[in-house]
Amino acid sequence: MLGEAPLAQQFSRDLFENGVFGMAIGFPTVPRGKARIRVMISASHQKEDLDQGLAAFRKVGHALGVIQ
C-alpha cells in the first residue's frame, strides 16, 4: 500500500528497472489514497525468484523512502 498514485507509478517503474514487473493500481480501481503495487506469483516461481522480488521491493522501497 503506497497511498498516492504517482508514488505507486514511480515504484512500479523502478521495480521494472530492477527486473520485477509490479503493476501500479490506483483510482478508480482502488479508492483515492489507497494506491498499491500488484504482483502475480505463480507455482512456477522458484525461491530464488521470490528472493529477487523481495530484494527489488526492499531496494526501491528504501530509495523512495517508503521503507526505513
PDB file of N, CA and C in Angstrom:
ATOM      1  N   MET A   1       0.859  -1.169   0.000  1.00  0.00           N
ATOM      2  CA  MET A   1       0.000   0.000   0.000  1.00  0.00           C
ATOM      3  C   MET A   1       0.904   1.231   0.000  1.00  0.00           C
ATOM      4  N   LEU A   2       0.757   2.069  -1.024  1.00  0.00           N
ATOM      5  CA  LEU A   2       1.641   3.221  -1.153  1.00  0.00           C
ATOM      6  C   LEU A   2       0.938   4.554  -0.978  1.00  0.00           C
ATOM      7  N   GLY A   3      -0.350   4.591  -1.089  1.00  0.00           N
ATOM      8  CA  GLY A   3      -1.072   5.839  -0.895  1.00  0.00           C
ATOM      9  C   GLY A   3      -1.416   6.526  -2.191  1.00  0.00           C
ATOM     10  N   GLU A   4      -0.557   7.407  -2.660  1.00  0.00           N
ATOM     11  CA  GLU A   4      -0.855   8.211  -3.837  1.00  0.00           C
ATOM     12  C   GLU A   4      -0.388   7.535  -5.130  1.00  0.00           C
ATOM     13  N   ALA A   5      -1.167   7.715  -6.197  1.00  0.00           N
ATOM     14  CA  ALA A   5      -0.902   7.064  -7.478  1.00  0.00           C
ATOM     15  C   ALA A   5       0.461   7.411  -8.069  1.00  0.00           C
ATOM     16  N   PRO A   6       0.901   8.685  -8.039  1.00  0.00           N
ATOM     17  CA  PRO A   6       2.221   8.966  -8.627  1.00  0.00           C
ATOM     18  C   PRO A   6       3.357   8.181  -7.960  1.00  0.00           C
ATOM     19  N   LEU A   7       3.282   7.998  -6.663  1.00  0.00           N
ATOM     20  CA  LEU A   7       4.300   7.212  -5.955  1.00  0.00           C
ATOM     21  C   LEU A   7       4.233   5.754  -6.398  1.00  0.00           C
ATOM     22  N   ALA A   8       3.043   5.218  -6.517  1.00  0.00           N
ATOM     23  CA  ALA A   8       2.889   3.829  -6.965  1.00  0.00           C
ATOM     24  C   ALA A   8       3.416   3.656  -8.384  1.00  0.00           C
ATOM     25  N   GLN A   9       3.169   4.632  -9.240  1.00  0.00           N
ATOM     26  CA  GLN A   9       3.658   4.561 -10.614  1.00  0.00           C
ATOM     27  C   GLN A   9       5.184   4.596 -10.658  1.00  0.00           C
ATOM     28  N   GLN A  10       5.787   5.452  -9.849  1.00  0.00           N
ATOM     29  CA  GLN A  10       7.253   5.506  -9.790  1.00  0.00           C
ATOM     30  C   GLN A  10       7.814   4.198  -9.233  1.00  0.00           C
ATOM     31  N   PHE A  11       7.171   3.682  -8.195  1.00  0.00           N
ATOM     32  CA  PHE A  11       7.594   2.417  -7.594  1.00  0.00           C
ATOM     33  C   PHE A  11       7.564   1.322  -8.658  1.00  0.00           C
ATOM     34  N   SER A  12       6.487   1.284  -9.442  1.00  0.00           N
ATOM     35  CA  SER A  12       6.344   0.286 -10.497  1.00  0.00           C
ATOM     36  C   SER A  12       7.465   0.411 -11.528  1.00  0.00           C
ATOM     37  N   ARG A  13       7.751   1.628 -11.970  1.00  0.00           N
ATOM     38  CA  ARG A  13       8.839   1.837 -12.948  1.00  0.00           C
ATOM     39  C   ARG A  13      10.181   1.384 -12.381  1.00  0.00           C
ATOM     40  N   ASP A  14      10.432   1.734 -11.129  1.00  0.00           N
ATOM     41  CA  ASP A  14      11.708   1.365 -10.511  1.00  0.00           C
ATOM     42  C   ASP A  14      11.823  -0.145 -10.316  1.00  0.00           C
ATOM     43  N   LEU A  15      10.722  -0.787  -9.957  1.00  0.00           N
ATOM     44  CA  LEU A  15      10.745  -2.246  -9.850  1.00  0.00           C
ATOM     45  C   LEU A  15      11.109  -2.868 -11.197  1.00  0.00           C
ATOM     46  N   PHE A  16      10.478  -2.364 -12.257  1.00  0.00           N
ATOM     47  CA  PHE A  16      10.743  -2.899 -13.600  1.00  0.00           C
ATOM     48  C   PHE A  16      12.209  -2.763 -13.963  1.00  0.00           C
ATOM     49  N   GLU A  17      12.810  -1.632 -13.621  1.00  0.00           N
ATOM     50  CA  GLU A  17      14.237  -1.425 -13.880  1.00  0.00           C
ATOM     51  C   GLU A  17      15.101  -2.400 -13.085  1.00  0.00           C
ATOM     52  N   ASN A  18      14.523  -2.968 -12.027  1.00  0.00           N
ATOM     53  CA  ASN A  18      15.233  -3.941 -11.194  1.00  0.00           C
ATOM     54  C   ASN A  18      14.784  -5.371 -11.472  1.00  0.00           C
ATOM     55  N   GLY A  19      14.117  -5.573 -12.612  1.00  0.00           N
ATOM     56  CA  GLY A  19      13.785  -6.922 -13.051  1.00  0.00           C
ATOM     57  C   GLY A  19      12.497  -7.505 -12.505  1.00  0.00           C
ATOM     58  N   VAL A  20      11.632  -6.666 -11.941  1.00  0.00           N
ATOM     59  CA  VAL A  20      10.373  -7.168 -11.370  1.00  0.00           C
ATOM     60  C   VAL A  20       9.211  -6.401 -11.989  1.00  0.00           C
ATOM     61  N   PHE A  21       8.213  -7.135 -12.479  1.00  0.00           N
ATOM     62  CA  PHE A  21       7.015  -6.485 -13.007  1.00  0.00           C
ATOM     63  C   PHE A  21       5.984  -6.404 -11.894  1.00  0.00           C
ATOM     64  N   GLY A  22       5.728  -5.193 -11.445  1.00  0.00           N
ATOM     65  CA  GLY A  22       4.709  -4.928 -10.433  1.00  0.00           C
ATOM     66  C   GLY A  22       3.858  -3.772 -10.932  1.00  0.00           C
ATOM     67  N   MET A  23       2.591  -4.012 -11.160  1.00  0.00           N
ATOM     68  CA  MET A  23       1.694  -3.013 -11.738  1.00  0.00           C
ATOM     69  C   MET A  23       1.182  -2.056 -10.673  1.00  0.00           C
ATOM     70  N   ALA A  24       1.278  -0.754 -10.957  1.00  0.00           N
ATOM     71  CA  ALA A  24       0.699   0.252 -10.073  1.00  0.00           C
ATOM     72  C   ALA A  24      -0.819   0.216 -10.238  1.00  0.00           C
ATOM     73  N   ILE A  25      -1.537   0.162  -9.134  1.00  0.00           N
ATOM     74  CA  ILE A  25      -3.002   0.140  -9.143  1.00  0.00           C
ATOM     75  C   ILE A  25      -3.480   1.365  -8.380  1.00  0.00           C
ATOM     76  N   GLY A  26      -4.251   2.205  -9.045  1.00  0.00           N
ATOM     77  CA  GLY A  26      -4.764   3.425  -8.421  1.00  0.00           C
ATOM     78  C   GLY A  26      -6.229   3.632  -8.719  1.00  0.00           C
ATOM     79  N   PHE A  27      -6.718   4.790  -8.353  1.00  0.00           N
ATOM     80  CA  PHE A  27      -8.108   5.161  -8.580  1.00  0.00           C
ATOM     81  C   PHE A  27      -8.403   5.127 -10.085  1.00  0.00           C
ATOM     82  N   PRO A  28      -9.497   4.577 -10.543  1.00  0.00           N
ATOM     83  CA  PRO A  28     -10.691   4.177  -9.814  1.00  0.00           C
ATOM     84  C   PRO A  28     -10.726   2.707  -9.413  1.00  0.00           C
ATOM     85  N   THR A  29      -9.661   1.964  -9.703  1.00  0.00           N
ATOM     86  CA  THR A  29      -9.639   0.545  -9.320  1.00  0.00           C
ATOM     87  C   THR A  29      -9.652   0.381  -7.809  1.00  0.00           C
ATOM     88  N   VAL A  30      -8.951   1.260  -7.112  1.00  0.00           N
ATOM     89  CA  VAL A  30      -8.959   1.290  -5.650  1.00  0.00           C
ATOM     90  C   VAL A  30      -9.326   2.710  -5.227  1.00  0.00           C
ATOM     91  N   PRO A  31      -9.764   2.920  -3.986  1.00  0.00           N
ATOM     92  CA  PRO A  31     -10.119   4.280  -3.544  1.00  0.00           C
ATOM     93  C   PRO A  31      -8.935   5.237  -3.629  1.00  0.00           C
ATOM     94  N   ARG A  32      -9.229   6.517  -3.792  1.00  0.00           N
ATOM     95  CA  ARG A  32      -8.176   7.538  -3.782  1.00  0.00           C
ATOM     96  C   ARG A  32      -7.362   7.404  -2.488  1.00  0.00           C
ATOM     97  N   GLY A  33      -6.051   7.586  -2.619  1.00  0.00           N
ATOM     98  CA  GLY A  33      -5.179   7.499  -1.457  1.00  0.00           C
ATOM     99  C   GLY A  33      -4.837   6.081  -1.041  1.00  0.00           C
ATOM    100  N   LYS A  34      -5.277   5.087  -1.824  1.00  0.00           N
ATOM    101  CA  LYS A  34      -5.012   3.682  -1.494  1.00  0.00           C
ATOM    102  C   LYS A  34      -4.262   2.973  -2.623  1.00  0.00           C
ATOM    103  N   ALA A  35      -3.476   3.728  -3.391  1.00  0.00           N
ATOM    104  CA  ALA A  35      -2.718   3.124  -4.495  1.00  0.00           C
ATOM    105  C   ALA A  35      -1.766   2.071  -3.957  1.00  0.00           C
ATOM    106  N   ARG A  36      -1.492   1.113  -4.794  1.00  0.00           N
ATOM    107  CA  ARG A  36      -0.670  -0.030  -4.373  1.00  0.00           C
ATOM    108  C   ARG A  36       0.022  -0.667  -5.558  1.00  0.00           C
ATOM    109  N   ILE A  37       0.825  -1.651  -5.288  1.00  0.00           N
ATOM    110  CA  ILE A  37       1.506  -2.427  -6.316  1.00  0.00           C
ATOM    111  C   ILE A  37       0.909  -3.829  -6.307  1.00  0.00           C
ATOM    112  N   ARG A  38       0.616  -4.323  -7.500  1.00  0.00           N
ATOM    113  CA  ARG A  38       0.085  -5.688  -7.629  1.00  0.00           C
ATOM    114  C   ARG A  38       1.096  -6.533  -8.384  1.00  0.00           C
ATOM    115  N   VAL A  39       1.431  -7.671  -7.817  1.00  0.00           N
ATOM    116  CA  VAL A  39       2.306  -8.639  -8.482  1.00  0.00           C
ATOM    117  C   VAL A  39       1.571  -9.961  -8.595  1.00  0.00           C
ATOM    118  N   MET A  40       1.979 -10.747  -9.550  1.00  0.00           N
ATOM    119  CA  MET A  40       1.385 -12.074  -9.753  1.00  0.00           C
ATOM    120  C   MET A  40       2.454 -13.117  -9.464  1.00  0.00           C
ATOM    121  N   ILE A  41       2.188 -13.949  -8.505  1.00  0.00           N
ATOM    122  CA  ILE A  41       3.108 -15.023  -8.138  1.00  0.00           C
ATOM    123  C   ILE A  41       2.449 -16.328  -8.548  1.00  0.00           C
ATOM    124  N   SER A  42       3.235 -17.214  -9.131  1.00  0.00           N
ATOM    125  CA  SER A  42       2.681 -18.497  -9.550  1.00  0.00           C
ATOM    126  C   SER A  42       3.516 -19.647  -8.997  1.00  0.00           C
ATOM    127  N   ALA A  43       2.973 -20.836  -9.145  1.00  0.00           N
ATOM    128  CA  ALA A  43       3.658 -22.032  -8.666  1.00  0.00           C
ATOM    129  C   ALA A  43       4.963 -22.281  -9.424  1.00  0.00           C
ATOM    130  N   SER A  44       5.116 -21.661 -10.582  1.00  0.00           N
ATOM    131  CA  SER A  44       6.341 -21.870 -11.359  1.00  0.00           C
ATOM    132  C   SER A  44       7.508 -21.021 -10.855  1.00  0.00           C
ATOM    133  N   HIS A  45       7.248 -20.066  -9.988  1.00  0.00           N
ATOM    134  CA  HIS A  45       8.326 -19.270  -9.416  1.00  0.00           C
ATOM    135  C   HIS A  45       9.110 -20.113  -8.411  1.00  0.00           C
ATOM    136  N   GLN A  46      10.408 -19.965  -8.477  1.00  0.00           N
ATOM    137  CA  GLN A  46      11.295 -20.655  -7.539  1.00  0.00           C
ATOM    138  C   GLN A  46      11.605 -19.724  -6.375  1.00  0.00           C
ATOM    139  N   LYS A  47      12.178 -20.275  -5.310  1.00  0.00           N
ATOM    140  CA  LYS A  47      12.551 -19.466  -4.151  1.00  0.00           C
ATOM    141  C   LYS A  47      13.469 -18.320  -4.562  1.00  0.00           C
ATOM    142  N   GLU A  48      14.375 -18.591  -5.477  1.00  0.00           N
ATOM    143  CA  GLU A  48      15.300 -17.557  -5.944  1.00  0.00           C
ATOM    144  C   GLU A  48      14.547 -16.395  -6.603  1.00  0.00           C
ATOM    145  N   ASP A  49      13.472 -16.714  -7.345  1.00  0.00           N
ATOM    146  CA  ASP A  49      12.659 -15.671  -7.975  1.00  0.00           C
ATOM    147  C   ASP A  49      12.013 -14.790  -6.909  1.00  0.00           C
ATOM    148  N   LEU A  50      11.484 -15.428  -5.886  1.00  0.00           N
ATOM    149  CA  LEU A  50      10.839 -14.685  -4.806  1.00  0.00           C
ATOM    150  C   LEU A  50      11.851 -13.841  -4.037  1.00  0.00           C
ATOM    151  N   ASP A  51      13.033 -14.405  -3.805  1.00  0.00           N
ATOM    152  CA  ASP A  51      14.090 -13.640  -3.125  1.00  0.00           C
ATOM    153  C   ASP A  51      14.495 -12.421  -3.954  1.00  0.00           C
ATOM    154  N   GLN A  52      14.584 -12.584  -5.281  1.00  0.00           N
ATOM    155  CA  GLN A  52      14.922 -11.467  -6.164  1.00  0.00           C
ATOM    156  C   GLN A  52      13.831 -10.389  -6.082  1.00  0.00           C
ATOM    157  N   GLY A  53      12.583 -10.825  -6.080  1.00  0.00           N
ATOM    158  CA  GLY A  53      11.478  -9.871  -5.977  1.00  0.00           C
ATOM    159  C   GLY A  53      11.495  -9.109  -4.673  1.00  0.00           C
ATOM    160  N   LEU A  54      11.719  -9.806  -3.586  1.00  0.00           N
ATOM    161  CA  LEU A  54      11.772  -9.142  -2.281  1.00  0.00           C
ATOM    162  C   LEU A  54      12.939  -8.163  -2.203  1.00  0.00           C
ATOM    163  N   ALA A  55      14.072  -8.552  -2.776  1.00  0.00           N
ATOM    164  CA  ALA A  55      15.230  -7.653  -2.773  1.00  0.00           C
ATOM    165  C   ALA A  55      14.932  -6.390  -3.577  1.00  0.00           C
ATOM    166  N   ALA A  56      14.234  -6.531  -4.700  1.00  0.00           N
ATOM    167  CA  ALA A  56      13.878  -5.370  -5.511  1.00  0.00           C
ATOM    168  C   ALA A  56      12.907  -4.468  -4.761  1.00  0.00           C
ATOM    169  N   PHE A  57      11.908  -5.049  -4.106  1.00  0.00           N
ATOM    170  CA  PHE A  57      10.972  -4.248  -3.311  1.00  0.00           C
ATOM    171  C   PHE A  57      11.716  -3.501  -2.207  1.00  0.00           C
ATOM    172  N   ARG A  58      12.645  -4.180  -1.556  1.00  0.00           N
ATOM    173  CA  ARG A  58      13.420  -3.551  -0.485  1.00  0.00           C
ATOM    174  C   ARG A  58      14.247  -2.388  -1.026  1.00  0.00           C
ATOM    175  N   LYS A  59      14.962  -2.615  -2.125  1.00  0.00           N
ATOM    176  CA  LYS A  59      15.814  -1.586  -2.725  1.00  0.00           C
ATOM    177  C   LYS A  59      15.001  -0.367  -3.144  1.00  0.00           C
ATOM    178  N   VAL A  60      13.918  -0.593  -3.877  1.00  0.00           N
ATOM    179  CA  VAL A  60      13.075   0.505  -4.352  1.00  0.00           C
ATOM    180  C   VAL A  60      12.385   1.201  -3.188  1.00  0.00           C
ATOM    181  N   GLY A  61      11.892   0.423  -2.247  1.00  0.00           N
ATOM    182  CA  GLY A  61      11.225   0.999  -1.088  1.00  0.00           C
ATOM    183  C   GLY A  61      12.136   1.926  -0.296  1.00  0.00           C
ATOM    184  N   HIS A  62      13.371   1.526  -0.110  1.00  0.00           N
ATOM    185  CA  HIS A  62      14.343   2.372   0.585  1.00  0.00           C
ATOM    186  C   HIS A  62      14.636   3.630  -0.225  1.00  0.00           C
ATOM    187  N   ALA A  63      14.853   3.458  -1.530  1.00  0.00           N
ATOM    188  CA  ALA A  63      15.207   4.586  -2.398  1.00  0.00           C
ATOM    189  C   ALA A  63      14.102   5.641  -2.436  1.00  0.00           C
ATOM    190  N   LEU A  64      12.844   5.193  -2.382  1.00  0.00           N
ATOM    191  CA  LEU A  64      11.714   6.118  -2.444  1.00  0.00           C
ATOM    192  C   LEU A  64      11.229   6.568  -1.056  1.00  0.00           C
ATOM    193  N   GLY A  65      11.884   6.081  -0.028  1.00  0.00           N
ATOM    194  CA  GLY A  65      11.525   6.491   1.332  1.00  0.00           C
ATOM    195  C   GLY A  65      10.265   5.864   1.871  1.00  0.00           C
ATOM    196  N   VAL A  66       9.847   4.765   1.248  1.00  0.00           N
ATOM    197  CA  VAL A  66       8.658   4.049   1.703  1.00  0.00           C
ATOM    198  C   VAL A  66       9.002   3.092   2.826  1.00  0.00           C
ATOM    199  N   ILE A  67      10.230   2.567   2.770  1.00  0.00           N
ATOM    200  CA  ILE A  67      10.739   1.653   3.794  1.00  0.00           C
ATOM    201  C   ILE A  67      11.908   2.354   4.468  1.00  0.00           C
ATOM    202  N   GLN A  68      11.927   2.331   5.784  1.00  0.00           N
ATOM    203  CA  GLN A  68      13.034   2.958   6.500  1.00  0.00           C
ATOM    204  C   GLN A  68      14.116   1.976   6.852  1.00  0.00           C
TER     205      GLN A  68
END
